[in-house]
Amino acid sequence: MARAAHAAVRGKQRSFSELLLRARTRQRTKQYVTATETIVVDWLIARGVACTPQLAVERYNLDIAIHEPPIAIEIRYSGNPNCSRPRNHISRTEYLLNNGWSVCYILIDAQHPLLPSAADEIIAFAQEVSCNPSPIGQYRVIRGNGEVDASLSAQFQRGTCIARPARGQNPRSHNRVAG
């Protein structure tokens, strides 16, 4: 029965209101929170950082959201996180950056397993954004072991892969979180 239902909607364009409802439902039910996200949330909370797993931001769900300063934490596993990443990651990141969020990707692979030092690097990034408003709307890539991947972070800071907010535009003024 579920297979037939999935087949009926596969490839169908979802309306914006359907996407909003789906994002809010995922936030409320927490059914898409992974074990890895739970570990990172626990590490951040243990370090005094308030965060929410699967926060709905318009039609998107963030893996983890730090509210102040607004930082979206996205976790990716052993893929190649360069410009050839799937289109939805680029459009999601572009949307978040243009709406006042900074974005931090954690890349986990066999050489860079998830370690508590990743939470420490996220906190350092949050402190940098808090102390200096110019990094608002910035992108950072860290490895699972907490090392900053400067080459990928720089690629995105230069706008090589992501369109940046227009000069003079205040990205925080458009910050919309689904409630």
Foldseek 3Di string as FASTA:
>chain_A
DVVVVCVVCVPPDDDQVVLQVVLVVCQVVVPPQDPVLVVLCVLLVVVPFDKGAQFAFRSGTARMFGVQQTEGEHEEEDDDPALVPDPVVQVVLQLQLLQFYEYEYEYEYPVFHADSLLSVLVVVVSVVCNVDVVCGSAYWYAYNNNHTPVVRSVCVVVVVRHDHHDPPDDNNVRGGTRD
